[in-house]
Amino acid sequence: MLLTSLLVLVLSSHSLARNVDYTEFLQKYNYLPRGNNQLSSTSLTEALKNMQRMAGLEETGDLDERTLRMMERPRWWTPGCWRN
């Protein structure tokens, strides 16, 4: 429970700064299951690695600056396809 709260806090701080909900992004594009309020660090890391792989980024599993920028870019209708 504490870990989930910390993850939400970290994601929320990025969301407030950039006006984007990254947990929602990962759920919307099927990197995380929808309606899962009990996120573990492992599930979040794996979801980020999968998203990074699809985006052609280094698979760190971290919510780093390159990953944040990629999440904010417009996407084609196909999951994992970003516009240049």
PDB file of N, CA and C in Angstrom:
ATOM      1  N   MET A   1       0.831  -1.197   0.000  1.00  0.00           N
ATOM      2  CA  MET A   1       0.000   0.000   0.000  1.00  0.00           C
ATOM      3  C   MET A   1       0.867   1.249   0.000  1.00  0.00           C
ATOM      4  N   LEU A   2       1.916   1.252   0.802  1.00  0.00           N
ATOM      5  CA  LEU A   2       2.826   2.396   0.853  1.00  0.00           C
ATOM      6  C   LEU A   2       3.496   2.596  -0.502  1.00  0.00           C
ATOM      7  N   LEU A   3       3.922   1.488  -1.129  1.00  0.00           N
ATOM      8  CA  LEU A   3       4.556   1.577  -2.438  1.00  0.00           C
ATOM      9  C   LEU A   3       3.602   2.167  -3.465  1.00  0.00           C
ATOM     10  N   THR A   4       2.350   1.740  -3.455  1.00  0.00           N
ATOM     11  CA  THR A   4       1.348   2.282  -4.371  1.00  0.00           C
ATOM     12  C   THR A   4       1.179   3.772  -4.141  1.00  0.00           C
ATOM     13  N   SER A   5       1.125   4.186  -2.893  1.00  0.00           N
ATOM     14  CA  SER A   5       0.985   5.610  -2.575  1.00  0.00           C
ATOM     15  C   SER A   5       2.169   6.408  -3.084  1.00  0.00           C
ATOM     16  N   LEU A   6       3.374   5.868  -2.929  1.00  0.00           N
ATOM     17  CA  LEU A   6       4.564   6.556  -3.417  1.00  0.00           C
ATOM     18  C   LEU A   6       4.568   6.668  -4.933  1.00  0.00           C
ATOM     19  N   LEU A   7       4.167   5.589  -5.617  1.00  0.00           N
ATOM     20  CA  LEU A   7       4.102   5.626  -7.078  1.00  0.00           C
ATOM     21  C   LEU A   7       3.097   6.658  -7.557  1.00  0.00           C
ATOM     22  N   VAL A   8       1.950   6.698  -6.910  1.00  0.00           N
ATOM     23  CA  VAL A   8       0.929   7.677  -7.274  1.00  0.00           C
ATOM     24  C   VAL A   8       1.451   9.081  -7.037  1.00  0.00           C
ATOM     25  N   LEU A   9       2.164   9.285  -5.937  1.00  0.00           N
ATOM     26  CA  LEU A   9       2.726  10.591  -5.643  1.00  0.00           C
ATOM     27  C   LEU A   9       3.740  11.005  -6.699  1.00  0.00           C
ATOM     28  N   VAL A  10       4.630  10.093  -7.081  1.00  0.00           N
ATOM     29  CA  VAL A  10       5.628  10.399  -8.108  1.00  0.00           C
ATOM     30  C   VAL A  10       4.950  10.692  -9.433  1.00  0.00           C
ATOM     31  N   LEU A  11       4.026   9.830  -9.825  1.00  0.00           N
ATOM     32  CA  LEU A  11       3.329  10.048 -11.089  1.00  0.00           C
ATOM     33  C   LEU A  11       2.493  11.317 -11.039  1.00  0.00           C
ATOM     34  N   SER A  12       1.874  11.592  -9.911  1.00  0.00           N
ATOM     35  CA  SER A  12       1.057  12.793  -9.780  1.00  0.00           C
ATOM     36  C   SER A  12       1.894  14.055  -9.884  1.00  0.00           C
ATOM     37  N   SER A  13       3.092  14.039  -9.310  1.00  0.00           N
ATOM     38  CA  SER A  13       3.930  15.230  -9.393  1.00  0.00           C
ATOM     39  C   SER A  13       4.299  15.528 -10.829  1.00  0.00           C
ATOM     40  N   HIS A  14       4.569  14.489 -11.627  1.00  0.00           N
ATOM     41  CA  HIS A  14       4.827  14.697 -13.049  1.00  0.00           C
ATOM     42  C   HIS A  14       3.547  15.134 -13.751  1.00  0.00           C
ATOM     43  N   SER A  15       2.417  14.561 -13.368  1.00  0.00           N
ATOM     44  CA  SER A  15       1.147  14.906 -13.987  1.00  0.00           C
ATOM     45  C   SER A  15       0.788  16.362 -13.758  1.00  0.00           C
ATOM     46  N   LEU A  16       1.008  16.848 -12.534  1.00  0.00           N
ATOM     47  CA  LEU A  16       0.696  18.237 -12.239  1.00  0.00           C
ATOM     48  C   LEU A  16       1.598  19.168 -13.027  1.00  0.00           C
ATOM     49  N   ALA A  17       2.848  18.794 -13.142  1.00  0.00           N
ATOM     50  CA  ALA A  17       3.797  19.654 -13.852  1.00  0.00           C
ATOM     51  C   ALA A  17       3.508  19.692 -15.342  1.00  0.00           C
ATOM     52  N   ARG A  18       3.035  18.614 -15.899  1.00  0.00           N
ATOM     53  CA  ARG A  18       2.846  18.530 -17.337  1.00  0.00           C
ATOM     54  C   ARG A  18       1.384  18.326 -17.740  1.00  0.00           C
ATOM     55  N   ASN A  19       0.494  18.249 -16.776  1.00  0.00           N
ATOM     56  CA  ASN A  19      -0.927  18.089 -17.038  1.00  0.00           C
ATOM     57  C   ASN A  19      -1.246  16.788 -17.785  1.00  0.00           C
ATOM     58  N   VAL A  20      -0.563  15.694 -17.451  1.00  0.00           N
ATOM     59  CA  VAL A  20      -0.787  14.391 -18.072  1.00  0.00           C
ATOM     60  C   VAL A  20      -0.800  13.339 -16.974  1.00  0.00           C
ATOM     61  N   ASP A  21      -1.704  12.377 -17.077  1.00  0.00           N
ATOM     62  CA  ASP A  21      -1.771  11.278 -16.121  1.00  0.00           C
ATOM     63  C   ASP A  21      -1.124  10.057 -16.766  1.00  0.00           C
ATOM     64  N   TYR A  22       0.095   9.711 -16.319  1.00  0.00           N
ATOM     65  CA  TYR A  22       0.838   8.646 -16.964  1.00  0.00           C
ATOM     66  C   TYR A  22       0.308   7.263 -16.630  1.00  0.00           C
ATOM     67  N   THR A  23      -0.292   7.092 -15.466  1.00  0.00           N
ATOM     68  CA  THR A  23      -0.925   5.813 -15.160  1.00  0.00           C
ATOM     69  C   THR A  23      -2.077   5.588 -16.131  1.00  0.00           C
ATOM     70  N   GLU A  24      -2.859   6.626 -16.366  1.00  0.00           N
ATOM     71  CA  GLU A  24      -3.963   6.534 -17.323  1.00  0.00           C
ATOM     72  C   GLU A  24      -3.437   6.237 -18.722  1.00  0.00           C
ATOM     73  N   PHE A  25      -2.333   6.878 -19.112  1.00  0.00           N
ATOM     74  CA  PHE A  25      -1.713   6.624 -20.416  1.00  0.00           C
ATOM     75  C   PHE A  25      -1.355   5.143 -20.546  1.00  0.00           C
ATOM     76  N   LEU A  26      -0.680   4.597 -19.539  1.00  0.00           N
ATOM     77  CA  LEU A  26      -0.258   3.197 -19.593  1.00  0.00           C
ATOM     78  C   LEU A  26      -1.455   2.255 -19.630  1.00  0.00           C
ATOM     79  N   GLN A  27      -2.547   2.617 -18.981  1.00  0.00           N
ATOM     80  CA  GLN A  27      -3.759   1.807 -19.036  1.00  0.00           C
ATOM     81  C   GLN A  27      -4.459   1.972 -20.382  1.00  0.00           C
ATOM     82  N   LYS A  28      -4.549   3.184 -20.865  1.00  0.00           N
ATOM     83  CA  LYS A  28      -5.235   3.460 -22.138  1.00  0.00           C
ATOM     84  C   LYS A  28      -4.634   2.662 -23.289  1.00  0.00           C
ATOM     85  N   TYR A  29      -3.309   2.550 -23.292  1.00  0.00           N
ATOM     86  CA  TYR A  29      -2.633   1.847 -24.384  1.00  0.00           C
ATOM     87  C   TYR A  29      -2.236   0.425 -24.001  1.00  0.00           C
ATOM     88  N   ASN A  30      -2.897  -0.120 -22.986  1.00  0.00           N
ATOM     89  CA  ASN A  30      -2.803  -1.529 -22.588  1.00  0.00           C
ATOM     90  C   ASN A  30      -1.429  -1.965 -22.103  1.00  0.00           C
ATOM     91  N   TYR A  31      -0.670  -1.049 -21.535  1.00  0.00           N
ATOM     92  CA  TYR A  31       0.581  -1.433 -20.896  1.00  0.00           C
ATOM     93  C   TYR A  31       0.324  -1.833 -19.441  1.00  0.00           C
ATOM     94  N   LEU A  32      -0.745  -1.329 -18.862  1.00  0.00           N
ATOM     95  CA  LEU A  32      -1.204  -1.707 -17.522  1.00  0.00           C
ATOM     96  C   LEU A  32      -2.680  -2.072 -17.619  1.00  0.00           C
ATOM     97  N   PRO A  33      -3.159  -3.019 -16.802  1.00  0.00           N
ATOM     98  CA  PRO A  33      -4.581  -3.343 -16.815  1.00  0.00           C
ATOM     99  C   PRO A  33      -5.409  -2.170 -16.288  1.00  0.00           C
ATOM    100  N   ARG A  34      -6.571  -1.954 -16.883  1.00  0.00           N
ATOM    101  CA  ARG A  34      -7.463  -0.876 -16.447  1.00  0.00           C
ATOM    102  C   ARG A  34      -8.066  -1.213 -15.091  1.00  0.00           C
ATOM    103  N   GLY A  35      -8.293  -0.158 -14.309  1.00  0.00           N
ATOM    104  CA  GLY A  35      -8.960  -0.319 -13.028  1.00  0.00           C
ATOM    105  C   GLY A  35      -8.089  -0.926 -11.944  1.00  0.00           C
ATOM    106  N   ASN A  36      -6.791  -1.043 -12.205  1.00  0.00           N
ATOM    107  CA  ASN A  36      -5.893  -1.622 -11.212  1.00  0.00           C
ATOM    108  C   ASN A  36      -5.342  -0.510 -10.333  1.00  0.00           C
ATOM    109  N   ASN A  37      -5.895  -0.366  -9.131  1.00  0.00           N
ATOM    110  CA  ASN A  37      -5.452   0.679  -8.213  1.00  0.00           C
ATOM    111  C   ASN A  37      -4.293   0.234  -7.331  1.00  0.00           C
ATOM    112  N   GLN A  38      -3.958  -1.036  -7.363  1.00  0.00           N
ATOM    113  CA  GLN A  38      -2.884  -1.577  -6.521  1.00  0.00           C
ATOM    114  C   GLN A  38      -1.667  -1.881  -7.397  1.00  0.00           C
ATOM    115  N   LEU A  39      -1.003  -0.847  -7.866  1.00  0.00           N
ATOM    116  CA  LEU A  39       0.160  -1.026  -8.719  1.00  0.00           C
ATOM    117  C   LEU A  39       1.374  -1.415  -7.891  1.00  0.00           C
ATOM    118  N   SER A  40       2.128  -2.373  -8.376  1.00  0.00           N
ATOM    119  CA  SER A  40       3.392  -2.716  -7.726  1.00  0.00           C
ATOM    120  C   SER A  40       4.513  -2.063  -8.528  1.00  0.00           C
ATOM    121  N   SER A  41       5.665  -1.926  -7.912  1.00  0.00           N
ATOM    122  CA  SER A  41       6.800  -1.346  -8.637  1.00  0.00           C
ATOM    123  C   SER A  41       7.181  -2.232  -9.817  1.00  0.00           C
ATOM    124  N   THR A  42       7.016  -3.553  -9.663  1.00  0.00           N
ATOM    125  CA  THR A  42       7.334  -4.475 -10.750  1.00  0.00           C
ATOM    126  C   THR A  42       6.390  -4.289 -11.924  1.00  0.00           C
ATOM    127  N   SER A  43       5.091  -4.165 -11.669  1.00  0.00           N
ATOM    128  CA  SER A  43       4.145  -4.005 -12.779  1.00  0.00           C
ATOM    129  C   SER A  43       4.349  -2.667 -13.482  1.00  0.00           C
ATOM    130  N   LEU A  44       4.644  -1.612 -12.727  1.00  0.00           N
ATOM    131  CA  LEU A  44       4.891  -0.316 -13.340  1.00  0.00           C
ATOM    132  C   LEU A  44       6.179  -0.339 -14.157  1.00  0.00           C
ATOM    133  N   THR A  45       7.222  -0.950 -13.617  1.00  0.00           N
ATOM    134  CA  THR A  45       8.492  -1.058 -14.338  1.00  0.00           C
ATOM    135  C   THR A  45       8.320  -1.834 -15.636  1.00  0.00           C
ATOM    136  N   GLU A  46       7.619  -2.960 -15.577  1.00  0.00           N
ATOM    137  CA  GLU A  46       7.397  -3.766 -16.775  1.00  0.00           C
ATOM    138  C   GLU A  46       6.545  -3.022 -17.804  1.00  0.00           C
ATOM    139  N   ALA A  47       5.538  -2.303 -17.337  1.00  0.00           N
ATOM    140  CA  ALA A  47       4.698  -1.520 -18.246  1.00  0.00           C
ATOM    141  C   ALA A  47       5.534  -0.444 -18.938  1.00  0.00           C
ATOM    142  N   LEU A  48       6.381   0.233 -18.192  1.00  0.00           N
ATOM    143  CA  LEU A  48       7.238   1.260 -18.778  1.00  0.00           C
ATOM    144  C   LEU A  48       8.232   0.653 -19.760  1.00  0.00           C
ATOM    145  N   LYS A  49       8.801  -0.502 -19.436  1.00  0.00           N
ATOM    146  CA  LYS A  49       9.731  -1.168 -20.358  1.00  0.00           C
ATOM    147  C   LYS A  49       9.031  -1.545 -21.664  1.00  0.00           C
ATOM    148  N   ASN A  50       7.818  -2.068 -21.565  1.00  0.00           N
ATOM    149  CA  ASN A  50       7.059  -2.427 -22.770  1.00  0.00           C
ATOM    150  C   ASN A  50       6.769  -1.198 -23.617  1.00  0.00           C
ATOM    151  N   MET A  51       6.359  -0.109 -22.970  1.00  0.00           N
ATOM    152  CA  MET A  51       6.077   1.131 -23.686  1.00  0.00           C
ATOM    153  C   MET A  51       7.346   1.663 -24.337  1.00  0.00           C
ATOM    154  N   GLN A  52       8.459   1.636 -23.609  1.00  0.00           N
ATOM    155  CA  GLN A  52       9.731   2.105 -24.152  1.00  0.00           C
ATOM    156  C   GLN A  52      10.167   1.257 -25.347  1.00  0.00           C
ATOM    157  N   ARG A  53       9.986  -0.050 -25.275  1.00  0.00           N
ATOM    158  CA  ARG A  53      10.320  -0.941 -26.388  1.00  0.00           C
ATOM    159  C   ARG A  53       9.512  -0.562 -27.629  1.00  0.00           C
ATOM    160  N   MET A  54       8.207  -0.371 -27.449  1.00  0.00           N
ATOM    161  CA  MET A  54       7.336  -0.021 -28.576  1.00  0.00           C
ATOM    162  C   MET A  54       7.696   1.345 -29.162  1.00  0.00           C
ATOM    163  N   ALA A  55       8.214   2.242 -28.328  1.00  0.00           N
ATOM    164  CA  ALA A  55       8.564   3.589 -28.775  1.00  0.00           C
ATOM    165  C   ALA A  55       9.992   3.670 -29.309  1.00  0.00           C
ATOM    166  N   GLY A  56      10.740   2.577 -29.224  1.00  0.00           N
ATOM    167  CA  GLY A  56      12.111   2.586 -29.703  1.00  0.00           C
ATOM    168  C   GLY A  56      13.077   3.271 -28.752  1.00  0.00           C
ATOM    169  N   LEU A  57      12.715   3.322 -27.469  1.00  0.00           N
ATOM    170  CA  LEU A  57      13.572   3.928 -26.454  1.00  0.00           C
ATOM    171  C   LEU A  57      14.365   2.843 -25.722  1.00  0.00           C
ATOM    172  N   GLU A  58      15.398   3.261 -25.020  1.00  0.00           N
ATOM    173  CA  GLU A  58      16.123   2.336 -24.169  1.00  0.00           C
ATOM    174  C   GLU A  58      15.167   1.824 -23.087  1.00  0.00           C
ATOM    175  N   GLU A  59      15.154   0.519 -22.875  1.00  0.00           N
ATOM    176  CA  GLU A  59      14.233  -0.108 -21.930  1.00  0.00           C
ATOM    177  C   GLU A  59      14.787  -0.046 -20.511  1.00  0.00           C
ATOM    178  N   THR A  60      14.573   1.081 -19.855  1.00  0.00           N
ATOM    179  CA  THR A  60      15.069   1.262 -18.487  1.00  0.00           C
ATOM    180  C   THR A  60      14.016   0.916 -17.441  1.00  0.00           C
ATOM    181  N   GLY A  61      12.746   1.058 -17.798  1.00  0.00           N
ATOM    182  CA  GLY A  61      11.681   0.873 -16.821  1.00  0.00           C
ATOM    183  C   GLY A  61      11.508   2.078 -15.925  1.00  0.00           C
ATOM    184  N   ASP A  62      12.256   3.145 -16.213  1.00  0.00           N
ATOM    185  CA  ASP A  62      12.174   4.379 -15.428  1.00  0.00           C
ATOM    186  C   ASP A  62      11.323   5.410 -16.156  1.00  0.00           C
ATOM    187  N   LEU A  63      10.646   6.230 -15.394  1.00  0.00           N
ATOM    188  CA  LEU A  63       9.854   7.319 -15.957  1.00  0.00           C
ATOM    189  C   LEU A  63      10.797   8.513 -16.147  1.00  0.00           C
ATOM    190  N   ASP A  64      11.724   8.353 -17.114  1.00  0.00           N
ATOM    191  CA  ASP A  64      12.737   9.373 -17.359  1.00  0.00           C
ATOM    192  C   ASP A  64      12.224  10.434 -18.339  1.00  0.00           C
ATOM    193  N   GLU A  65      13.044  11.419 -18.581  1.00  0.00           N
ATOM    194  CA  GLU A  65      12.641  12.551 -19.425  1.00  0.00           C
ATOM    195  C   GLU A  65      12.289  12.125 -20.847  1.00  0.00           C
ATOM    196  N   ARG A  66      13.060  11.227 -21.444  1.00  0.00           N
ATOM    197  CA  ARG A  66      12.770  10.772 -22.816  1.00  0.00           C
ATOM    198  C   ARG A  66      11.422  10.041 -22.873  1.00  0.00           C
ATOM    199  N   THR A  67      11.146   9.232 -21.856  1.00  0.00           N
ATOM    200  CA  THR A  67       9.876   8.510 -21.798  1.00  0.00           C
ATOM    201  C   THR A  67       8.719   9.488 -21.622  1.00  0.00           C
ATOM    202  N   LEU A  68       8.881  10.455 -20.743  1.00  0.00           N
ATOM    203  CA  LEU A  68       7.844  11.465 -20.532  1.00  0.00           C
ATOM    204  C   LEU A  68       7.544  12.221 -21.822  1.00  0.00           C
ATOM    205  N   ARG A  69       8.592  12.635 -22.526  1.00  0.00           N
ATOM    206  CA  ARG A  69       8.393  13.366 -23.787  1.00  0.00           C
ATOM    207  C   ARG A  69       7.675  12.502 -24.814  1.00  0.00           C
ATOM    208  N   MET A  70       8.033  11.224 -24.874  1.00  0.00           N
ATOM    209  CA  MET A  70       7.395  10.328 -25.847  1.00  0.00           C
ATOM    210  C   MET A  70       5.909  10.141 -25.520  1.00  0.00           C
ATOM    211  N   MET A  71       5.581  10.047 -24.237  1.00  0.00           N
ATOM    212  CA  MET A  71       4.180   9.878 -23.840  1.00  0.00           C
ATOM    213  C   MET A  71       3.342  11.098 -24.213  1.00  0.00           C
ATOM    214  N   GLU A  72       3.964  12.243 -24.273  1.00  0.00           N
ATOM    215  CA  GLU A  72       3.239  13.478 -24.582  1.00  0.00           C
ATOM    216  C   GLU A  72       3.053  13.700 -26.082  1.00  0.00           C
ATOM    217  N   ARG A  73       3.773  12.947 -26.905  1.00  0.00           N
ATOM    218  CA  ARG A  73       3.674  13.118 -28.352  1.00  0.00           C
ATOM    219  C   ARG A  73       2.371  12.528 -28.883  1.00  0.00           C
ATOM    220  N   PRO A  74       1.861  13.099 -29.975  1.00  0.00           N
ATOM    221  CA  PRO A  74       0.661  12.527 -30.604  1.00  0.00           C
ATOM    222  C   PRO A  74       0.942  11.111 -31.106  1.00  0.00           C
ATOM    223  N   ARG A  75      -0.063  10.273 -31.061  1.00  0.00           N
ATOM    224  CA  ARG A  75       0.073   8.887 -31.509  1.00  0.00           C
ATOM    225  C   ARG A  75      -0.863   8.616 -32.666  1.00  0.00           C
ATOM    226  N   TRP A  76      -0.449   7.704 -33.527  1.00  0.00           N
ATOM    227  CA  TRP A  76      -1.354   7.187 -34.548  1.00  0.00           C
ATOM    228  C   TRP A  76      -2.372   6.311 -33.828  1.00  0.00           C
ATOM    229  N   TRP A  77      -3.361   5.836 -34.538  1.00  0.00           N
ATOM    230  CA  TRP A  77      -4.410   5.033 -33.905  1.00  0.00           C
ATOM    231  C   TRP A  77      -3.903   3.666 -33.476  1.00  0.00           C
ATOM    232  N   THR A  78      -2.821   3.178 -34.062  1.00  0.00           N
ATOM    233  CA  THR A  78      -2.291   1.866 -33.720  1.00  0.00           C
ATOM    234  C   THR A  78      -1.444   1.956 -32.456  1.00  0.00           C
ATOM    235  N   PRO A  79      -1.669   1.084 -31.460  1.00  0.00           N
ATOM    236  CA  PRO A  79      -0.867   1.121 -30.237  1.00  0.00           C
ATOM    237  C   PRO A  79       0.625   1.019 -30.543  1.00  0.00           C
ATOM    238  N   GLY A  80       1.406   1.851 -29.901  1.00  0.00           N
ATOM    239  CA  GLY A  80       2.849   1.801 -30.062  1.00  0.00           C
ATOM    240  C   GLY A  80       3.380   2.603 -31.233  1.00  0.00           C
ATOM    241  N   CYS A  81       2.523   3.300 -31.953  1.00  0.00           N
ATOM    242  CA  CYS A  81       2.971   4.077 -33.110  1.00  0.00           C
ATOM    243  C   CYS A  81       2.876   5.572 -32.798  1.00  0.00           C
ATOM    244  N   TRP A  82       4.017   6.218 -32.819  1.00  0.00           N
ATOM    245  CA  TRP A  82       4.061   7.655 -32.554  1.00  0.00           C
ATOM    246  C   TRP A  82       4.328   8.404 -33.843  1.00  0.00           C
ATOM    247  N   ARG A  83       3.767   9.587 -33.939  1.00  0.00           N
ATOM    248  CA  ARG A  83       4.029  10.454 -35.101  1.00  0.00           C
ATOM    249  C   ARG A  83       5.369  11.119 -34.922  1.00  0.00           C
ATOM    250  N   ASN A  84       6.035  11.384 -36.009  1.00  0.00           N
ATOM    251  CA  ASN A  84       7.315  12.108 -35.963  1.00  0.00           C
ATOM    252  C   ASN A  84       7.090  13.588 -35.927  1.00  0.00           C
TER     253      ASN A  84
END
